[in-house]
Amino acid sequence: MIKSMLIEYIQAALARTEYEIIEDDEEPYYGWIPELEGVWATGTSLEECRENLEEITGEWLILRLRRNLPIPSLDNCKNRYLR
């Protein structure tokens, strides 16, 4: 059950991703999730950027949980589920 809640949260977060293409960069695709402070990733393609962002979001979430830091609510994913 916890695993499915984490996956649901990550999917909700990824749905909020904003992307930018940075010209003349080795990894020109840049993505970030505005609601999650410090969560961003790059990639050589949009798909690679998204995969990297998914991994970083999972790591960010685990770190927040371990340190008992607040986690923003996204869609129907509520803080009460992620204590």
N, C-alpha and C. Protein backbone atom coordinates (compact mmCIF):
# COMPACT_ATOMS: atom_id res chain seq x y z
N MET A 1 0.81 -1.19 0.00
CA MET A 1 0.00 0.00 0.00
C MET A 1 0.87 1.26 0.00
N ILE A 2 1.90 1.28 0.83
CA ILE A 2 2.78 2.46 0.88
C ILE A 2 3.46 2.67 -0.47
N LYS A 3 3.91 1.57 -1.08
CA LYS A 3 4.58 1.68 -2.37
C LYS A 3 3.66 2.31 -3.41
N SER A 4 2.40 1.89 -3.43
CA SER A 4 1.46 2.45 -4.40
C SER A 4 1.18 3.93 -4.12
N MET A 5 1.18 4.33 -2.84
CA MET A 5 1.00 5.74 -2.52
C MET A 5 2.19 6.57 -2.99
N LEU A 6 3.40 6.02 -2.83
CA LEU A 6 4.59 6.73 -3.31
C LEU A 6 4.56 6.87 -4.82
N ILE A 7 4.19 5.81 -5.51
CA ILE A 7 4.11 5.85 -6.97
C ILE A 7 3.06 6.86 -7.42
N GLU A 8 1.92 6.87 -6.74
CA GLU A 8 0.86 7.83 -7.07
C GLU A 8 1.35 9.27 -6.87
N TYR A 9 2.08 9.51 -5.81
CA TYR A 9 2.60 10.85 -5.54
C TYR A 9 3.61 11.25 -6.62
N ILE A 10 4.50 10.36 -6.96
CA ILE A 10 5.51 10.66 -7.99
C ILE A 10 4.83 10.96 -9.32
N GLN A 11 3.82 10.19 -9.68
CA GLN A 11 3.09 10.43 -10.93
C GLN A 11 2.38 11.79 -10.91
N ALA A 12 1.78 12.14 -9.77
CA ALA A 12 1.13 13.44 -9.65
C ALA A 12 2.15 14.57 -9.77
N ALA A 13 3.32 14.37 -9.19
CA ALA A 13 4.37 15.38 -9.27
C ALA A 13 4.87 15.53 -10.71
N LEU A 14 5.08 14.41 -11.38
CA LEU A 14 5.58 14.47 -12.76
C LEU A 14 4.58 15.14 -13.70
N ALA A 15 3.30 15.02 -13.39
CA ALA A 15 2.28 15.67 -14.22
C ALA A 15 2.39 17.20 -14.15
N ARG A 16 3.08 17.71 -13.14
CA ARG A 16 3.25 19.16 -12.97
C ARG A 16 4.58 19.67 -13.53
N THR A 17 5.34 18.80 -14.13
CA THR A 17 6.67 19.16 -14.63
C THR A 17 6.60 20.26 -15.67
N GLU A 18 7.54 21.16 -15.57
CA GLU A 18 7.74 22.18 -16.60
C GLU A 18 9.09 21.90 -17.24
N TYR A 19 9.16 22.10 -18.57
CA TYR A 19 10.38 21.81 -19.32
C TYR A 19 10.88 23.04 -20.05
N GLU A 20 12.17 23.02 -20.27
CA GLU A 20 12.81 24.08 -21.04
C GLU A 20 13.94 23.45 -21.83
N ILE A 21 14.17 23.94 -23.02
CA ILE A 21 15.32 23.49 -23.82
C ILE A 21 16.38 24.58 -23.76
N ILE A 22 17.56 24.17 -23.34
CA ILE A 22 18.68 25.10 -23.21
C ILE A 22 19.63 24.83 -24.39
N GLU A 23 19.68 25.77 -25.29
CA GLU A 23 20.51 25.62 -26.49
C GLU A 23 21.99 25.48 -26.12
N ASP A 24 22.72 24.78 -26.96
CA ASP A 24 24.18 24.64 -26.82
C ASP A 24 24.59 24.06 -25.47
N ASP A 25 23.88 23.04 -25.01
CA ASP A 25 24.19 22.37 -23.75
C ASP A 25 24.29 20.88 -24.03
N GLU A 26 25.17 20.18 -23.32
CA GLU A 26 25.31 18.73 -23.52
C GLU A 26 24.02 17.99 -23.22
N GLU A 27 23.29 18.46 -22.23
CA GLU A 27 21.99 17.90 -21.88
C GLU A 27 20.98 19.04 -21.95
N PRO A 28 20.48 19.32 -23.15
CA PRO A 28 19.67 20.53 -23.35
C PRO A 28 18.27 20.50 -22.75
N TYR A 29 17.78 19.33 -22.40
CA TYR A 29 16.43 19.25 -21.84
C TYR A 29 16.50 19.40 -20.32
N TYR A 30 15.77 20.39 -19.83
CA TYR A 30 15.76 20.72 -18.41
C TYR A 30 14.32 20.66 -17.92
N GLY A 31 14.09 19.94 -16.83
CA GLY A 31 12.74 19.84 -16.27
C GLY A 31 12.75 20.06 -14.78
N TRP A 32 11.68 20.64 -14.27
CA TRP A 32 11.56 20.88 -12.84
C TRP A 32 10.10 20.80 -12.43
N ILE A 33 9.89 20.55 -11.14
CA ILE A 33 8.54 20.49 -10.58
C ILE A 33 8.43 21.65 -9.61
N PRO A 34 7.71 22.69 -9.99
CA PRO A 34 7.66 23.91 -9.19
C PRO A 34 7.25 23.70 -7.73
N GLU A 35 6.34 22.80 -7.46
CA GLU A 35 5.86 22.58 -6.09
C GLU A 35 6.87 21.87 -5.20
N LEU A 36 7.86 21.23 -5.80
CA LEU A 36 8.85 20.47 -5.03
C LEU A 36 10.20 21.18 -5.10
N GLU A 37 10.50 21.90 -4.05
CA GLU A 37 11.71 22.72 -4.02
C GLU A 37 12.97 21.89 -4.25
N GLY A 38 13.77 22.31 -5.21
CA GLY A 38 15.03 21.65 -5.49
C GLY A 38 14.93 20.43 -6.39
N VAL A 39 13.76 20.12 -6.90
CA VAL A 39 13.60 18.94 -7.75
C VAL A 39 13.70 19.37 -9.21
N TRP A 40 14.80 18.99 -9.86
CA TRP A 40 15.03 19.28 -11.27
C TRP A 40 15.95 18.22 -11.85
N ALA A 41 15.96 18.12 -13.17
CA ALA A 41 16.83 17.15 -13.84
C ALA A 41 17.08 17.63 -15.27
N THR A 42 18.10 17.04 -15.88
CA THR A 42 18.43 17.33 -17.28
C THR A 42 18.53 16.01 -18.04
N GLY A 43 18.63 16.12 -19.36
CA GLY A 43 18.80 14.93 -20.17
C GLY A 43 19.13 15.29 -21.61
N THR A 44 19.63 14.32 -22.34
CA THR A 44 19.94 14.54 -23.75
C THR A 44 18.69 14.49 -24.62
N SER A 45 17.62 13.94 -24.08
CA SER A 45 16.32 13.91 -24.76
C SER A 45 15.24 14.20 -23.73
N LEU A 46 14.06 14.49 -24.21
CA LEU A 46 12.95 14.75 -23.30
C LEU A 46 12.65 13.52 -22.45
N GLU A 47 12.70 12.34 -23.06
CA GLU A 47 12.42 11.11 -22.33
C GLU A 47 13.49 10.86 -21.25
N GLU A 48 14.75 11.09 -21.58
CA GLU A 48 15.81 10.91 -20.58
C GLU A 48 15.63 11.90 -19.43
N CYS A 49 15.29 13.12 -19.76
CA CYS A 49 15.06 14.13 -18.73
C CYS A 49 13.92 13.69 -17.82
N ARG A 50 12.85 13.19 -18.40
CA ARG A 50 11.70 12.73 -17.61
C ARG A 50 12.09 11.55 -16.72
N GLU A 51 12.85 10.60 -17.25
CA GLU A 51 13.29 9.46 -16.45
C GLU A 51 14.18 9.92 -15.29
N ASN A 52 15.08 10.84 -15.56
CA ASN A 52 15.95 11.37 -14.51
C ASN A 52 15.13 12.11 -13.45
N LEU A 53 14.14 12.86 -13.90
CA LEU A 53 13.29 13.60 -12.98
C LEU A 53 12.46 12.65 -12.12
N GLU A 54 12.01 11.56 -12.69
CA GLU A 54 11.26 10.57 -11.91
C GLU A 54 12.13 9.98 -10.80
N GLU A 55 13.37 9.66 -11.13
CA GLU A 55 14.30 9.11 -10.14
C GLU A 55 14.59 10.13 -9.04
N ILE A 56 14.87 11.36 -9.43
CA ILE A 56 15.17 12.42 -8.46
C ILE A 56 13.97 12.68 -7.56
N THR A 57 12.78 12.66 -8.12
CA THR A 57 11.57 12.89 -7.33
C THR A 57 11.41 11.81 -6.28
N GLY A 58 11.65 10.57 -6.63
CA GLY A 58 11.59 9.47 -5.67
C GLY A 58 12.61 9.64 -4.56
N GLU A 59 13.83 10.01 -4.92
CA GLU A 59 14.87 10.23 -3.92
C GLU A 59 14.53 11.41 -3.02
N TRP A 60 13.99 12.47 -3.60
CA TRP A 60 13.58 13.65 -2.83
C TRP A 60 12.50 13.26 -1.82
N LEU A 61 11.54 12.49 -2.27
CA LEU A 61 10.44 12.07 -1.41
C LEU A 61 10.93 11.20 -0.25
N ILE A 62 11.81 10.26 -0.53
CA ILE A 62 12.36 9.40 0.52
C ILE A 62 13.15 10.22 1.53
N LEU A 63 13.95 11.16 1.06
CA LEU A 63 14.72 12.02 1.96
C LEU A 63 13.79 12.84 2.85
N ARG A 64 12.73 13.40 2.29
CA ARG A 64 11.78 14.18 3.08
C ARG A 64 11.12 13.31 4.14
N LEU A 65 10.76 12.09 3.78
CA LEU A 65 10.14 11.18 4.73
C LEU A 65 11.10 10.81 5.85
N ARG A 66 12.33 10.49 5.50
CA ARG A 66 13.33 10.12 6.51
C ARG A 66 13.61 11.25 7.49
N ARG A 67 13.59 12.47 7.00
CA ARG A 67 13.89 13.62 7.86
C ARG A 67 12.64 14.24 8.47
N ASN A 68 11.50 13.61 8.23
CA ASN A 68 10.22 14.08 8.76
C ASN A 68 9.95 15.54 8.37
N LEU A 69 10.25 15.85 7.11
CA LEU A 69 10.01 17.19 6.57
C LEU A 69 8.65 17.22 5.88
N PRO A 70 8.03 18.39 5.76
CA PRO A 70 6.73 18.46 5.11
C PRO A 70 6.81 18.10 3.63
N ILE A 71 5.73 17.50 3.17
CA ILE A 71 5.61 17.11 1.76
C ILE A 71 4.35 17.78 1.22
N PRO A 72 4.48 18.58 0.17
CA PRO A 72 3.31 19.27 -0.37
C PRO A 72 2.25 18.29 -0.87
N SER A 73 0.99 18.63 -0.66
CA SER A 73 -0.11 17.84 -1.22
C SER A 73 -0.20 18.11 -2.72
N LEU A 74 -0.38 17.06 -3.48
CA LEU A 74 -0.56 17.18 -4.93
C LEU A 74 -1.81 16.40 -5.32
N ASP A 75 -2.68 17.02 -6.06
CA ASP A 75 -3.93 16.40 -6.48
C ASP A 75 -4.62 15.77 -5.29
N ASN A 76 -4.87 14.47 -5.35
CA ASN A 76 -5.53 13.79 -4.24
C ASN A 76 -4.52 13.06 -3.36
N CYS A 77 -3.25 13.36 -3.50
CA CYS A 77 -2.21 12.80 -2.63
C CYS A 77 -2.04 13.75 -1.45
N LYS A 78 -2.46 13.36 -0.30
CA LYS A 78 -2.47 14.23 0.87
C LYS A 78 -1.29 13.93 1.79
N ASN A 79 -0.85 14.95 2.52
CA ASN A 79 0.24 14.80 3.49
C ASN A 79 -0.05 13.70 4.50
N ARG A 80 -1.30 13.53 4.90
CA ARG A 80 -1.62 12.54 5.93
C ARG A 80 -1.22 11.13 5.53
N TYR A 81 -1.10 10.87 4.22
CA TYR A 81 -0.70 9.55 3.76
C TYR A 81 0.81 9.38 3.78
N LEU A 82 1.53 10.48 3.80
CA LEU A 82 2.99 10.45 3.66
C LEU A 82 3.65 11.06 4.89
N ARG A 83 3.49 10.45 6.01
CA ARG A 83 4.12 10.96 7.25
C ARG A 83 5.41 10.25 7.52
